[in-house]
Amino acid sequence: MDDNVSELDQLQTAYKAAVEEWIAAIKREEALASVNHTIAEVDKWEGAHFAEDEIRGKVKAAKKDYEDALRRKFFDF
């Protein structure tokens, strides 16, 4: 039982950390979208979007792992 709770704690922590990373990426993209743009800034803004999208994928994967573990705990599948 303790191993199961420990695993859930780890998965929840990983999910929360990924969400915080995602929030930071969204804020970086927002900051770049809120200024006058030169071509270089547009490139940075586009790069920030790609980084945000990549981190969003990590969040979705971490969420799935955590949800799957909860299903195993509560529904045994």
Protein backbone atom coordinates (compact mmCIF):
# COMPACT_ATOMS: atom_id res chain seq x y z
CA MET A 1 0.00 0.00 0.00
CA ASP A 2 2.79 2.45 0.88
CA ASP A 3 4.46 1.79 -2.48
CA ASN A 4 1.19 2.61 -4.23
CA VAL A 5 0.80 5.89 -2.31
CA SER A 6 4.45 6.73 -2.91
CA GLU A 7 4.01 6.12 -6.64
CA LEU A 8 0.89 8.30 -6.68
CA ASP A 9 2.74 11.04 -4.78
CA GLN A 10 5.59 10.93 -7.29
CA LEU A 11 3.25 10.99 -10.28
CA GLN A 12 1.25 13.85 -8.80
CA THR A 13 4.44 15.81 -8.09
CA ALA A 14 5.68 15.21 -11.64
CA TYR A 15 2.34 16.34 -13.06
CA LYS A 16 2.27 19.48 -10.93
CA ALA A 17 5.86 20.33 -11.89
CA ALA A 18 5.03 19.88 -15.57
CA VAL A 19 2.02 22.18 -15.21
CA GLU A 20 4.19 24.84 -13.54
CA GLU A 21 6.73 24.53 -16.37
CA TRP A 22 3.88 24.88 -18.88
CA ILE A 23 2.54 27.99 -17.14
CA ALA A 24 6.01 29.57 -17.31
CA ALA A 25 6.23 28.74 -21.02
CA ILE A 26 2.83 30.31 -21.65
CA LYS A 27 3.93 33.46 -19.80
CA ARG A 28 7.15 33.63 -21.88
CA GLU A 29 5.10 33.36 -25.06
CA GLU A 30 2.62 35.96 -23.79
CA ALA A 31 5.43 38.39 -22.95
CA LEU A 32 6.82 38.11 -26.47
CA ALA A 33 3.34 38.60 -27.94
CA SER A 34 2.86 41.81 -25.97
CA VAL A 35 5.64 43.94 -27.49
CA ASN A 36 6.38 45.57 -30.83
CA HIS A 37 8.03 43.01 -33.02
CA THR A 38 11.13 43.03 -35.11
CA ILE A 39 11.87 40.00 -37.24
CA ALA A 40 14.17 38.61 -34.53
CA GLU A 41 11.46 39.06 -31.91
CA VAL A 42 8.94 37.29 -34.16
CA ASP A 43 11.39 34.39 -34.38
CA LYS A 44 11.70 34.33 -30.58
CA TRP A 45 7.92 34.45 -30.26
CA GLU A 46 7.53 31.56 -32.68
CA GLY A 47 10.21 29.62 -30.78
CA ALA A 48 8.38 30.29 -27.51
CA HIS A 49 5.22 28.88 -29.07
CA PHE A 50 6.99 25.69 -30.11
CA ALA A 51 8.51 25.35 -26.62
CA GLU A 52 5.08 25.86 -25.03
CA ASP A 53 3.58 23.21 -27.30
CA GLU A 54 6.35 20.74 -26.44
CA ILE A 55 5.90 21.33 -22.71
CA ARG A 56 2.13 20.94 -23.11
CA GLY A 57 2.84 17.46 -24.47
CA LYS A 58 4.84 16.69 -21.33
CA VAL A 59 1.92 17.87 -19.18
CA LYS A 60 -0.51 15.65 -21.06
CA ALA A 61 1.79 12.64 -20.66
CA ALA A 62 2.30 13.30 -16.94
CA LYS A 63 -1.46 13.72 -16.47
CA LYS A 64 -2.12 10.43 -18.26
CA ASP A 65 0.43 8.60 -16.10
CA TYR A 66 -1.13 10.00 -12.92
CA GLU A 67 -4.70 9.25 -14.07
CA ASP A 68 -3.73 5.70 -15.05
CA ALA A 69 -2.22 5.13 -11.60
CA LEU A 70 -5.38 6.45 -9.94
CA ARG A 71 -7.51 4.13 -12.06
CA ARG A 72 -5.34 1.18 -11.03
CA LYS A 73 -5.67 2.15 -7.37
CA PHE A 74 -9.42 2.81 -7.28
CA PHE A 75 -10.75 0.57 -10.04
CA ASP A 76 -8.03 -2.08 -10.30
CA PHE A 77 -7.46 -1.65 -14.04
